[in-house]
Amino acid sequence: MSLDSLKSAVPDYAKDLKLNLGSVIGNSDLPAQQLWGTVLATAIASRSPIVLRELEPEAKANLSPEAYSAAKSAAAVMAMNNVF
């Protein structure tokens, strides 16, 4: 379960999405806490169990407990703002 698993599940007609996933996560200049906090928040906000299943373990491994909780809070705020 990983970014590579998620990328391999993307169909050929969406190859740009596959490339963007690798570029954004694999070549980011963000510090690890910011990168993986953003990855986790957006994975949660996507409401895709597959995306969350593939990315959450690596995010959790790279985040402090405080940053992990903050990313989940950010996802909740993102969801609220998208609804209202």
N, C-alpha and C. Protein backbone atom coordinates (compact mmCIF):
# COMPACT_ATOMS: atom_id res chain seq x y z
N MET A 1 0.84 -1.18 0.00
CA MET A 1 0.00 0.00 0.00
C MET A 1 0.89 1.24 0.00
N SER A 2 0.74 2.01 -1.05
CA SER A 2 1.62 3.17 -1.15
C SER A 2 1.21 4.05 -2.31
N LEU A 3 1.98 5.09 -2.48
CA LEU A 3 1.79 5.97 -3.63
C LEU A 3 1.93 5.17 -4.92
N ASP A 4 2.89 4.26 -4.97
CA ASP A 4 3.09 3.45 -6.18
C ASP A 4 1.86 2.58 -6.47
N SER A 5 1.25 2.03 -5.42
CA SER A 5 0.04 1.23 -5.61
C SER A 5 -1.09 2.08 -6.16
N LEU A 6 -1.22 3.28 -5.62
CA LEU A 6 -2.27 4.19 -6.08
C LEU A 6 -2.03 4.58 -7.54
N LYS A 7 -0.79 4.91 -7.87
CA LYS A 7 -0.47 5.28 -9.25
C LYS A 7 -0.72 4.13 -10.21
N SER A 8 -0.42 2.92 -9.80
CA SER A 8 -0.63 1.77 -10.69
C SER A 8 -2.12 1.49 -10.91
N ALA A 9 -2.97 1.96 -10.02
CA ALA A 9 -4.41 1.76 -10.16
C ALA A 9 -5.06 2.78 -11.08
N VAL A 10 -4.33 3.85 -11.41
CA VAL A 10 -4.87 4.88 -12.29
C VAL A 10 -4.86 4.34 -13.73
N PRO A 11 -6.00 4.42 -14.42
CA PRO A 11 -6.05 3.90 -15.79
C PRO A 11 -5.20 4.73 -16.76
N ASP A 12 -4.86 4.12 -17.87
CA ASP A 12 -4.01 4.78 -18.87
C ASP A 12 -4.59 6.09 -19.39
N TYR A 13 -5.91 6.18 -19.50
CA TYR A 13 -6.49 7.41 -20.02
C TYR A 13 -6.31 8.59 -19.07
N ALA A 14 -5.90 8.32 -17.83
CA ALA A 14 -5.66 9.39 -16.85
C ALA A 14 -4.18 9.47 -16.50
N LYS A 15 -3.32 9.24 -17.48
CA LYS A 15 -1.88 9.19 -17.21
C LYS A 15 -1.34 10.51 -16.66
N ASP A 16 -1.96 11.63 -17.01
CA ASP A 16 -1.52 12.91 -16.46
C ASP A 16 -1.71 12.95 -14.95
N LEU A 17 -2.79 12.37 -14.47
CA LEU A 17 -3.04 12.29 -13.04
C LEU A 17 -1.95 11.47 -12.37
N LYS A 18 -1.59 10.37 -12.99
CA LYS A 18 -0.53 9.50 -12.46
C LYS A 18 0.79 10.26 -12.37
N LEU A 19 1.12 10.99 -13.42
CA LEU A 19 2.36 11.78 -13.43
C LEU A 19 2.32 12.88 -12.38
N ASN A 20 1.17 13.54 -12.25
CA ASN A 20 1.05 14.61 -11.26
C ASN A 20 1.17 14.10 -9.84
N LEU A 21 0.60 12.94 -9.56
CA LEU A 21 0.74 12.37 -8.22
C LEU A 21 2.21 12.16 -7.87
N GLY A 22 2.94 11.59 -8.79
CA GLY A 22 4.36 11.36 -8.56
C GLY A 22 5.14 12.64 -8.42
N SER A 23 4.82 13.62 -9.24
CA SER A 23 5.55 14.89 -9.20
C SER A 23 5.27 15.67 -7.92
N VAL A 24 4.02 15.76 -7.56
CA VAL A 24 3.64 16.56 -6.40
C VAL A 24 4.18 15.95 -5.11
N ILE A 25 4.02 14.66 -4.96
CA ILE A 25 4.45 14.02 -3.72
C ILE A 25 5.94 13.67 -3.75
N GLY A 26 6.42 13.19 -4.88
CA GLY A 26 7.80 12.72 -4.95
C GLY A 26 8.85 13.80 -5.10
N ASN A 27 8.48 14.95 -5.61
CA ASN A 27 9.48 16.00 -5.89
C ASN A 27 9.15 17.32 -5.21
N SER A 28 8.49 17.28 -4.09
CA SER A 28 8.07 18.50 -3.41
C SER A 28 9.22 19.14 -2.64
N ASP A 29 9.21 20.46 -2.61
CA ASP A 29 10.19 21.19 -1.80
C ASP A 29 9.68 21.44 -0.38
N LEU A 30 8.46 21.03 -0.09
CA LEU A 30 7.91 21.22 1.24
C LEU A 30 8.63 20.34 2.26
N PRO A 31 8.75 20.81 3.49
CA PRO A 31 9.25 19.93 4.56
C PRO A 31 8.29 18.75 4.73
N ALA A 32 8.79 17.64 5.21
CA ALA A 32 8.00 16.41 5.30
C ALA A 32 6.69 16.60 6.07
N GLN A 33 6.72 17.35 7.17
CA GLN A 33 5.50 17.55 7.95
C GLN A 33 4.43 18.28 7.14
N GLN A 34 4.83 19.28 6.39
CA GLN A 34 3.86 20.02 5.57
C GLN A 34 3.38 19.17 4.39
N LEU A 35 4.29 18.48 3.75
CA LEU A 35 3.92 17.65 2.60
C LEU A 35 2.93 16.57 3.01
N TRP A 36 3.28 15.78 4.01
CA TRP A 36 2.43 14.66 4.37
C TRP A 36 1.17 15.10 5.09
N GLY A 37 1.20 16.25 5.75
CA GLY A 37 -0.03 16.81 6.31
C GLY A 37 -0.99 17.19 5.21
N THR A 38 -0.46 17.79 4.15
CA THR A 38 -1.28 18.16 2.99
C THR A 38 -1.80 16.92 2.28
N VAL A 39 -0.94 15.93 2.11
CA VAL A 39 -1.36 14.68 1.46
C VAL A 39 -2.50 14.04 2.24
N LEU A 40 -2.35 13.95 3.56
CA LEU A 40 -3.38 13.32 4.38
C LEU A 40 -4.68 14.12 4.34
N ALA A 41 -4.59 15.43 4.49
CA ALA A 41 -5.80 16.26 4.48
C ALA A 41 -6.55 16.13 3.16
N THR A 42 -5.82 16.14 2.06
CA THR A 42 -6.50 16.04 0.76
C THR A 42 -7.01 14.62 0.50
N ALA A 43 -6.31 13.62 1.00
CA ALA A 43 -6.80 12.24 0.86
C ALA A 43 -8.11 12.07 1.61
N ILE A 44 -8.18 12.62 2.81
CA ILE A 44 -9.42 12.55 3.59
C ILE A 44 -10.52 13.34 2.88
N ALA A 45 -10.18 14.54 2.43
CA ALA A 45 -11.17 15.41 1.78
C ALA A 45 -11.68 14.81 0.47
N SER A 46 -10.90 13.96 -0.17
CA SER A 46 -11.33 13.35 -1.43
C SER A 46 -12.49 12.38 -1.22
N ARG A 47 -12.66 11.92 0.00
CA ARG A 47 -13.71 10.97 0.37
C ARG A 47 -13.60 9.66 -0.41
N SER A 48 -12.39 9.35 -0.85
CA SER A 48 -12.15 8.09 -1.55
C SER A 48 -11.47 7.11 -0.60
N PRO A 49 -12.15 6.02 -0.26
CA PRO A 49 -11.52 5.05 0.64
C PRO A 49 -10.23 4.47 0.06
N ILE A 50 -10.16 4.35 -1.25
CA ILE A 50 -8.96 3.79 -1.88
C ILE A 50 -7.78 4.75 -1.72
N VAL A 51 -8.01 6.02 -2.00
CA VAL A 51 -6.94 7.02 -1.86
C VAL A 51 -6.47 7.08 -0.42
N LEU A 52 -7.40 7.12 0.51
CA LEU A 52 -7.03 7.19 1.93
C LEU A 52 -6.28 5.93 2.36
N ARG A 53 -6.76 4.77 1.94
CA ARG A 53 -6.11 3.51 2.32
C ARG A 53 -4.67 3.45 1.82
N GLU A 54 -4.43 3.98 0.64
CA GLU A 54 -3.09 3.92 0.05
C GLU A 54 -2.13 4.96 0.62
N LEU A 55 -2.64 6.14 0.98
CA LEU A 55 -1.74 7.22 1.38
C LEU A 55 -1.63 7.44 2.89
N GLU A 56 -2.66 7.07 3.64
CA GLU A 56 -2.63 7.34 5.08
C GLU A 56 -1.49 6.66 5.83
N PRO A 57 -1.17 5.40 5.56
CA PRO A 57 -0.07 4.78 6.33
C PRO A 57 1.26 5.52 6.17
N GLU A 58 1.58 5.93 4.96
CA GLU A 58 2.84 6.65 4.75
C GLU A 58 2.78 8.03 5.38
N ALA A 59 1.62 8.67 5.28
CA ALA A 59 1.46 9.98 5.91
C ALA A 59 1.64 9.85 7.42
N LYS A 60 1.01 8.86 8.01
CA LYS A 60 1.10 8.67 9.46
C LYS A 60 2.54 8.39 9.89
N ALA A 61 3.27 7.65 9.07
CA ALA A 61 4.67 7.34 9.38
C ALA A 61 5.56 8.57 9.30
N ASN A 62 5.16 9.57 8.52
CA ASN A 62 5.98 10.76 8.33
C ASN A 62 5.54 11.95 9.18
N LEU A 63 4.43 11.82 9.89
CA LEU A 63 3.89 12.94 10.67
C LEU A 63 4.04 12.69 12.16
N SER A 64 4.26 13.78 12.88
CA SER A 64 4.18 13.70 14.34
C SER A 64 2.71 13.49 14.71
N PRO A 65 2.42 13.00 15.91
CA PRO A 65 1.02 12.83 16.30
C PRO A 65 0.24 14.15 16.22
N GLU A 66 0.89 15.25 16.56
CA GLU A 66 0.22 16.55 16.50
C GLU A 66 -0.10 16.95 15.06
N ALA A 67 0.85 16.72 14.15
CA ALA A 67 0.63 17.06 12.75
C ALA A 67 -0.42 16.15 12.12
N TYR A 68 -0.45 14.89 12.53
CA TYR A 68 -1.46 13.95 12.04
C TYR A 68 -2.85 14.44 12.43
N SER A 69 -3.00 14.82 13.69
CA SER A 69 -4.28 15.34 14.17
C SER A 69 -4.64 16.65 13.48
N ALA A 70 -3.66 17.52 13.27
CA ALA A 70 -3.91 18.80 12.60
C ALA A 70 -4.36 18.58 11.16
N ALA A 71 -3.79 17.61 10.48
CA ALA A 71 -4.19 17.32 9.10
C ALA A 71 -5.63 16.83 9.05
N LYS A 72 -6.02 16.00 10.02
CA LYS A 72 -7.40 15.53 10.06
C LYS A 72 -8.35 16.69 10.35
N SER A 73 -7.93 17.60 11.22
CA SER A 73 -8.74 18.80 11.50
C SER A 73 -8.87 19.66 10.25
N ALA A 74 -7.78 19.82 9.51
CA ALA A 74 -7.82 20.61 8.28
C ALA A 74 -8.79 19.98 7.27
N ALA A 75 -8.80 18.66 7.19
CA ALA A 75 -9.73 17.99 6.28
C ALA A 75 -11.17 18.24 6.69
N ALA A 76 -11.43 18.27 7.99
CA ALA A 76 -12.79 18.54 8.47
C ALA A 76 -13.22 19.95 8.08
N VAL A 77 -12.32 20.91 8.23
CA VAL A 77 -12.63 22.29 7.85
C VAL A 77 -12.83 22.39 6.34
N MET A 78 -11.99 21.69 5.57
CA MET A 78 -12.15 21.69 4.11
C MET A 78 -13.53 21.14 3.73
N ALA A 79 -13.96 20.07 4.37
CA ALA A 79 -15.26 19.49 4.07
C ALA A 79 -16.38 20.45 4.43
N MET A 80 -16.24 21.12 5.56
CA MET A 80 -17.27 22.07 5.98
C MET A 80 -17.37 23.22 4.99
N ASN A 81 -16.23 23.72 4.55
CA ASN A 81 -16.23 24.84 3.60
C ASN A 81 -16.77 24.43 2.23
N ASN A 82 -16.59 23.18 1.86
CA ASN A 82 -17.12 22.70 0.58
C ASN A 82 -18.63 22.50 0.62
N VAL A 83 -19.18 22.28 1.80
CA VAL A 83 -20.61 22.04 1.94
C VAL A 83 -21.38 23.34 2.08
N PHE A 84 -20.85 24.25 2.88
CA PHE A 84 -21.60 25.47 3.19
C PHE A 84 -21.22 26.57 2.27
